C-alpha atoms as a PDB file:
ATOM      1  CA  MET A   1       0.282   0.045   0.134  1.00  0.00           C
ATOM      2  CA  ALA A   2       1.725   3.480  -0.913  1.00  0.00           C
ATOM      3  CA  GLU A   3       2.255   5.721   1.532  1.00  0.00           C
ATOM      4  CA  ARG A   4      -0.242   9.189   1.754  1.00  0.00           C
ATOM      5  CA  GLN A   5       2.059  12.219   0.883  1.00  0.00           C
ATOM      6  CA  SER A   6       1.090  15.222   3.592  1.00  0.00           C
ATOM      7  CA  GLU A   7      -0.333  17.954   2.087  1.00  0.00           C
ATOM      8  CA  ILE A   8       1.738  21.185   1.471  1.00  0.00           C
ATOM      9  CA  VAL A   9       0.391  23.938   3.091  1.00  0.00           C
ATOM     10  CA  ILE A  10       1.777  27.834   2.316  1.00  0.00           C
ATOM     11  CA  GLU A  11       1.750  29.823   5.337  1.00  0.00           C
ATOM     12  CA  LYS A  12       3.731  33.456   6.682  1.00  0.00           C
ATOM     13  CA  ALA A  13       6.502  32.626   8.563  1.00  0.00           C
ATOM     14  CA  SER A  14       7.111  32.258  12.457  1.00  0.00           C
ATOM     15  CA  VAL A  15       9.898  33.464  14.625  1.00  0.00           C
ATOM     16  CA  ASN A  16      10.651  30.740  16.060  1.00  0.00           C
ATOM     17  CA  GLN A  17      11.740  28.783  12.536  1.00  0.00           C
ATOM     18  CA  ALA A  18      14.556  31.455  12.053  1.00  0.00           C
ATOM     19  CA  PRO A  19      17.134  29.158  12.189  1.00  0.00           C
ATOM     20  CA  VAL A  20      15.788  26.460   9.421  1.00  0.00           C
ATOM     21  CA  ILE A  21      15.213  29.026   7.827  1.00  0.00           C
ATOM     22  CA  ALA A  22      18.375  30.510   7.980  1.00  0.00           C
ATOM     23  CA  SER A  23      20.240  27.162   6.717  1.00  0.00           C
ATOM     24  CA  LEU A  24      17.819  27.326   3.756  1.00  0.00           C
ATOM     25  CA  ILE A  25      18.649  31.053   3.009  1.00  0.00           C
ATOM     26  CA  MET A  26      21.969  30.140   2.997  1.00  0.00           C
ATOM     27  CA  GLU A  27      21.806  27.173   0.503  1.00  0.00           C
ATOM     28  CA  ALA A  28      20.176  29.319  -1.886  1.00  0.00           C
ATOM     29  CA  MET A  29      22.793  31.661  -1.542  1.00  0.00           C
ATOM     30  CA  ASP A  30      25.553  29.239  -2.021  1.00  0.00           C
ATOM     31  CA  TYR A  31      27.649  27.919   0.743  1.00  0.00           C
ATOM     32  CA  ASP A  32      30.812  29.662  -1.080  1.00  0.00           C
ATOM     33  CA  CYS A  33      29.498  32.878  -1.230  1.00  0.00           C
ATOM     34  CA  CYS A  34      28.557  32.570   2.501  1.00  0.00           C
ATOM     35  CA  GLN A  35      31.926  31.616   3.458  1.00  0.00           C
ATOM     36  CA  ASN A  36      33.022  34.371   0.670  1.00  0.00           C
ATOM     37  CA  LEU A  37      30.634  36.974   2.660  1.00  0.00           C
ATOM     38  CA  ALA A  38      31.621  35.222   7.000  1.00  0.00           C
ATOM     39  CA  GLY A  39      35.457  35.662   5.479  1.00  0.00           C
ATOM     40  CA  PRO A  40      38.492  33.878   5.947  1.00  0.00           C
ATOM     41  CA  ASP A  41      38.642  34.546   9.758  1.00  0.00           C
ATOM     42  CA  HIS A  42      34.895  33.310  10.502  1.00  0.00           C
ATOM     43  CA  THR A  43      32.986  29.606   9.756  1.00  0.00           C
ATOM     44  CA  LEU A  44      30.043  28.929   8.197  1.00  0.00           C
ATOM     45  CA  GLU A  45      28.759  28.351  11.689  1.00  0.00           C
ATOM     46  CA  ASP A  46      29.190  31.791  12.689  1.00  0.00           C
ATOM     47  CA  PHE A  47      27.437  33.106   9.603  1.00  0.00           C
ATOM     48  CA  HIS A  48      24.448  30.921  10.275  1.00  0.00           C
ATOM     49  CA  ILE A  49      24.194  32.364  13.722  1.00  0.00           C
ATOM     50  CA  LEU A  50      24.358  35.807  12.211  1.00  0.00           C
ATOM     51  CA  MET A  51      21.756  34.692   9.164  1.00  0.00           C
ATOM     52  CA  THR A  52      19.520  33.201  12.345  1.00  0.00           C
ATOM     53  CA  ARG A  53      18.988  36.840  13.983  1.00  0.00           C
ATOM     54  CA  LEU A  54      18.761  38.579  10.794  1.00  0.00           C
ATOM     55  CA  VAL A  55      15.426  35.662  10.158  1.00  0.00           C
ATOM     56  CA  GLU A  56      14.195  36.952  13.808  1.00  0.00           C
ATOM     57  CA  GLU A  57      14.797  40.754  13.378  1.00  0.00           C
ATOM     58  CA  ASP A  58      11.797  42.438  12.392  1.00  0.00           C
ATOM     59  CA  ASN A  59      13.510  45.126  10.173  1.00  0.00           C
ATOM     60  CA  SER A  60      16.037  43.062   8.044  1.00  0.00           C
ATOM     61  CA  GLN A  61      15.315  42.247   4.384  1.00  0.00           C
ATOM     62  CA  TYR A  62      16.153  38.064   5.579  1.00  0.00           C
ATOM     63  CA  SER A  63      13.662  38.878   8.204  1.00  0.00           C
ATOM     64  CA  TYR A  64      10.661  36.075   9.015  1.00  0.00           C
ATOM     65  CA  LYS A  65       8.308  38.708   8.181  1.00  0.00           C
ATOM     66  CA  ASN A  66       9.240  38.869   4.878  1.00  0.00           C
ATOM     67  CA  ALA A  67       8.957  34.964   4.262  1.00  0.00           C
ATOM     68  CA  ILE A  68       6.421  32.043   3.688  1.00  0.00           C
ATOM     69  CA  VAL A  69       7.522  28.451   4.742  1.00  0.00           C
ATOM     70  CA  ALA A  70       6.443  26.034   2.511  1.00  0.00           C
ATOM     71  CA  MET A  71       4.820  23.322   5.699  1.00  0.00           C
ATOM     72  CA  THR A  72       4.098  19.536   5.424  1.00  0.00           C
ATOM     73  CA  GLY A  73       3.405  17.366   8.697  1.00  0.00           C
ATOM     74  CA  GLY A  74       4.979  19.891  10.600  1.00  0.00           C
ATOM     75  CA  GLU A  75       7.809  20.452   9.181  1.00  0.00           C
ATOM     76  CA  VAL A  76       9.607  23.466   7.298  1.00  0.00           C
ATOM     77  CA  ALA A  77       9.792  21.990   3.312  1.00  0.00           C
ATOM     78  CA  GLY A  78      10.961  24.907   1.877  1.00  0.00           C
ATOM     79  CA  VAL A  79      11.065  29.019   2.344  1.00  0.00           C
ATOM     80  CA  LEU A  80      10.595  31.903   0.175  1.00  0.00           C
ATOM     81  CA  VAL A  81      12.052  35.707   1.198  1.00  0.00           C
ATOM     82  CA  GLY A  82      10.870  38.316  -0.667  1.00  0.00           C
ATOM     83  CA  TYR A  83      10.465  42.646  -0.032  1.00  0.00           C
ATOM     84  CA  GLU A  84       9.853  45.732  -1.987  1.00  0.00           C
ATOM     85  CA  GLY A  85      12.597  46.310  -3.800  1.00  0.00           C
ATOM     86  CA  LYS A  86      12.373  49.778  -2.799  1.00  0.00           C
ATOM     87  CA  ASP A  87      12.724  49.014   0.824  1.00  0.00           C
ATOM     88  CA  LEU A  88      16.160  47.070  -0.258  1.00  0.00           C
ATOM     89  CA  SER A  89      18.587  50.293   1.242  1.00  0.00           C
ATOM     90  CA  GLU A  90      16.715  50.250   4.547  1.00  0.00           C
ATOM     91  CA  LEU A  91      16.349  46.860   5.134  1.00  0.00           C
ATOM     92  CA  ARG A  92      19.829  45.488   4.217  1.00  0.00           C
ATOM     93  CA  LYS A  93      21.373  48.040   7.102  1.00  0.00           C
ATOM     94  CA  ALA A  94      20.165  45.179   9.234  1.00  0.00           C
ATOM     95  CA  PHE A  95      22.607  43.047   7.264  1.00  0.00           C
ATOM     96  CA  ILE A  96      25.490  45.367   6.774  1.00  0.00           C
ATOM     97  CA  ASN A  97      25.342  46.343  10.422  1.00  0.00           C
ATOM     98  CA  GLY A  98      25.281  42.536  11.807  1.00  0.00           C
ATOM     99  CA  ALA A  99      28.335  41.819   8.973  1.00  0.00           C
ATOM    100  CA  CYS A 100      30.637  44.927  10.582  1.00  0.00           C
ATOM    101  CA  SER A 101      29.954  44.047  14.143  1.00  0.00           C
ATOM    102  CA  MET A 102      29.655  39.860  14.213  1.00  0.00           C
ATOM    103  CA  LEU A 103      32.060  39.414  11.680  1.00  0.00           C
ATOM    104  CA  GLY A 104      33.900  42.622  10.879  1.00  0.00           C
ATOM    105  CA  GLN A 105      32.836  42.484   7.028  1.00  0.00           C
ATOM    106  CA  ASP A 106      32.059  45.787   5.656  1.00  0.00           C
ATOM    107  CA  PHE A 107      29.813  45.904   3.033  1.00  0.00           C
ATOM    108  CA  SER A 108      28.252  49.018   3.097  1.00  0.00           C
ATOM    109  CA  ASN A 109      29.462  49.148  -0.803  1.00  0.00           C
ATOM    110  CA  ILE A 110      27.976  46.271  -1.565  1.00  0.00           C
ATOM    111  CA  ALA A 111      25.672  46.892  -4.878  1.00  0.00           C
ATOM    112  CA  ASP A 112      21.258  46.359  -5.162  1.00  0.00           C
ATOM    113  CA  GLU A 113      20.527  43.425  -6.612  1.00  0.00           C
ATOM    114  CA  THR A 114      16.988  44.218  -7.092  1.00  0.00           C
ATOM    115  CA  ASN A 115      15.533  47.992  -8.270  1.00  0.00           C
ATOM    116  CA  GLU A 116      12.979  49.992  -6.811  1.00  0.00           C
ATOM    117  CA  ASN A 117      10.055  48.820  -9.096  1.00  0.00           C
ATOM    118  CA  GLU A 118       9.557  45.274  -8.461  1.00  0.00           C
ATOM    119  CA  PHE A 119       8.965  43.030  -5.813  1.00  0.00           C
ATOM    120  CA  TYR A 120      12.288  41.273  -5.317  1.00  0.00           C
ATOM    121  CA  ILE A 121      12.075  37.185  -4.478  1.00  0.00           C
ATOM    122  CA  ASP A 122      15.343  37.470  -2.506  1.00  0.00           C
ATOM    123  CA  SER A 123      15.631  33.636  -1.645  1.00  0.00           C
ATOM    124  CA  LEU A 124      13.998  30.376  -2.650  1.00  0.00           C
ATOM    125  CA  CYS A 125      15.337  27.210  -1.154  1.00  0.00           C
ATOM    126  CA  VAL A 126      13.281  23.576  -0.435  1.00  0.00           C
ATOM    127  CA  LYS A 127      14.964  21.175   1.478  1.00  0.00           C
ATOM    128  CA  LYS A 128      16.589  18.465  -0.373  1.00  0.00           C
ATOM    129  CA  GLU A 129      14.166  15.540   1.117  1.00  0.00           C
ATOM    130  CA  PHE A 130      11.429  17.343  -0.268  1.00  0.00           C
ATOM    131  CA  ARG A 131      12.770  18.783  -3.603  1.00  0.00           C
ATOM    132  CA  GLY A 132      10.564  16.908  -6.410  1.00  0.00           C
ATOM    133  CA  GLN A 133       7.420  17.607  -5.192  1.00  0.00           C
ATOM    134  CA  GLY A 134       6.801  21.103  -6.649  1.00  0.00           C
ATOM    135  CA  ILE A 135       7.288  23.148  -3.766  1.00  0.00           C
ATOM    136  CA  ALA A 136       9.241  25.762  -4.788  1.00  0.00           C
ATOM    137  CA  THR A 137       5.991  26.291  -7.482  1.00  0.00           C
ATOM    138  CA  LYS A 138       3.916  26.365  -4.993  1.00  0.00           C
ATOM    139  CA  LEU A 139       5.932  29.487  -3.350  1.00  0.00           C
ATOM    140  CA  LEU A 140       6.786  31.668  -6.400  1.00  0.00           C
ATOM    141  CA  LYS A 141       2.795  30.949  -7.564  1.00  0.00           C
ATOM    142  CA  HIS A 142       1.879  31.949  -4.393  1.00  0.00           C
ATOM    143  CA  THR A 143       3.897  34.810  -4.401  1.00  0.00           C
ATOM    144  CA  LEU A 144       3.128  35.653  -7.630  1.00  0.00           C
ATOM    145  CA  LYS A 145      -0.998  35.344  -6.888  1.00  0.00           C
ATOM    146  CA  LEU A 146      -0.116  38.369  -3.784  1.00  0.00           C
ATOM    147  CA  HIS A 147       1.861  40.629  -6.283  1.00  0.00           C
ATOM    148  CA  LYS A 148      -0.186  40.232  -9.443  1.00  0.00           C
ATOM    149  CA  ASN A 149      -0.229  43.569 -10.157  1.00  0.00           C
ATOM    150  CA  GLU A 150       3.356  44.729 -10.047  1.00  0.00           C
ATOM    151  CA  PRO A 151       6.870  42.964 -11.292  1.00  0.00           C
ATOM    152  CA  VAL A 152       8.135  40.316  -9.425  1.00  0.00           C
ATOM    153  CA  GLY A 153      12.124  40.047 -10.063  1.00  0.00           C
ATOM    154  CA  LEU A 154      14.682  37.343  -8.492  1.00  0.00           C
ATOM    155  CA  LEU A 155      18.203  36.444  -9.796  1.00  0.00           C
ATOM    156  CA  VAL A 156      18.906  32.949 -10.715  1.00  0.00           C
ATOM    157  CA  ASP A 157      23.197  31.444 -10.885  1.00  0.00           C
ATOM    158  CA  PHE A 158      24.457  30.777 -14.132  1.00  0.00           C
ATOM    159  CA  THR A 159      25.147  27.768 -12.429  1.00  0.00           C
ATOM    160  CA  HIS A 160      21.246  26.829 -11.821  1.00  0.00           C
ATOM    161  CA  PRO A 161      19.682  25.703 -15.077  1.00  0.00           C
ATOM    162  CA  ASP A 162      17.019  23.934 -13.381  1.00  0.00           C
ATOM    163  CA  ALA A 163      15.836  26.734 -11.273  1.00  0.00           C
ATOM    164  CA  GLU A 164      16.076  29.219 -14.386  1.00  0.00           C
ATOM    165  CA  ARG A 165      13.975  26.695 -15.915  1.00  0.00           C
ATOM    166  CA  LEU A 166      11.271  26.866 -13.409  1.00  0.00           C
ATOM    167  CA  TYR A 167      11.480  30.524 -13.392  1.00  0.00           C
ATOM    168  CA  MET A 168      11.176  30.742 -17.296  1.00  0.00           C
ATOM    169  CA  SER A 169       8.129  28.280 -17.041  1.00  0.00           C
ATOM    170  CA  LEU A 170       6.108  30.604 -14.613  1.00  0.00           C
ATOM    171  CA  GLY A 171       6.557  33.291 -17.270  1.00  0.00           C
ATOM    172  CA  PHE A 172       9.600  35.039 -15.758  1.00  0.00           C
ATOM    173  CA  LYS A 173      11.617  37.259 -18.789  1.00  0.00           C
ATOM    174  CA  PHE A 174      15.054  37.522 -18.468  1.00  0.00           C
ATOM    175  CA  ILE A 175      16.282  41.218 -18.030  1.00  0.00           C
ATOM    176  CA  ASN A 176      19.908  41.671 -18.118  1.00  0.00           C
ATOM    177  CA  GLU A 177      22.951  39.880 -16.651  1.00  0.00           C
ATOM    178  CA  THR A 178      24.254  40.880 -13.138  1.00  0.00           C
ATOM    179  CA  SER A 179      26.859  39.564 -10.841  1.00  0.00           C
ATOM    180  CA  TRP A 180      25.997  39.181  -6.676  1.00  0.00           C
ATOM    181  CA  ALA A 181      28.905  38.702  -4.198  1.00  0.00           C
ATOM    182  CA  GLY A 182      31.017  37.090  -7.176  1.00  0.00           C
ATOM    183  CA  HIS A 183      28.552  35.397  -8.576  1.00  0.00           C
ATOM    184  CA  LYS A 184      27.690  35.853 -12.503  1.00  0.00           C
ATOM    185  CA  MET A 185      23.659  36.520 -12.703  1.00  0.00           C
ATOM    186  CA  LYS A 186      20.955  36.569 -14.668  1.00  0.00           C
ATOM    187  CA  HIS A 187      18.089  39.160 -13.505  1.00  0.00           C
ATOM    188  CA  LEU A 188      14.441  37.720 -14.562  1.00  0.00           C
ATOM    189  CA  GLN A 189      11.295  39.382 -14.442  1.00  0.00           C
ATOM    190  CA  TRP A 190       7.714  38.216 -14.141  1.00  0.00           C
ATOM    191  CA  SER A 191       5.092  40.893 -14.916  1.00  0.00           C
ATOM    192  CA  THR A 192       1.379  40.573 -16.258  1.00  0.00           C
ATOM    193  CA  LYS A 193       2.329  43.724 -18.325  1.00  0.00           C
END
């Protein structure tokens, strides 16, 4: 007899989910990128502590308030973090201050990865054991439905063609090439207009 798969429910994230959300954001960022941001004197564990604190904060680009989670069987299976592009400069201050105080890294001159005219999907990640079940698609469709009256943008790493195919299948279009934290990226955007 086949085992019944648990239902996937998309809901707002909560502060108590911060450690798992931080881990998923780091996976979405790419661990090499995270280590680069942590610097030579700090570990990925140090960076995870910073990211967890940023998820716990109310006014951070990585805040749980900017996240939705896919839940199944009481477990976080995936996360999508997004916010209005016009708010990035204000929201990024928490990362800049945290990286400076906790890691001794100065990112005050980091380039913006979005623009003020779009809702920006900062991070999207599904736990390995839940991949292939359409969870990323559900998180994306939920977000696109909520923001159907404005453009929605994201960056995809050149080394992630499967993710790019998913985005394109949902109607995202190539805008331009860019880079973020040393990674070559494509800026994609979805719009009903």
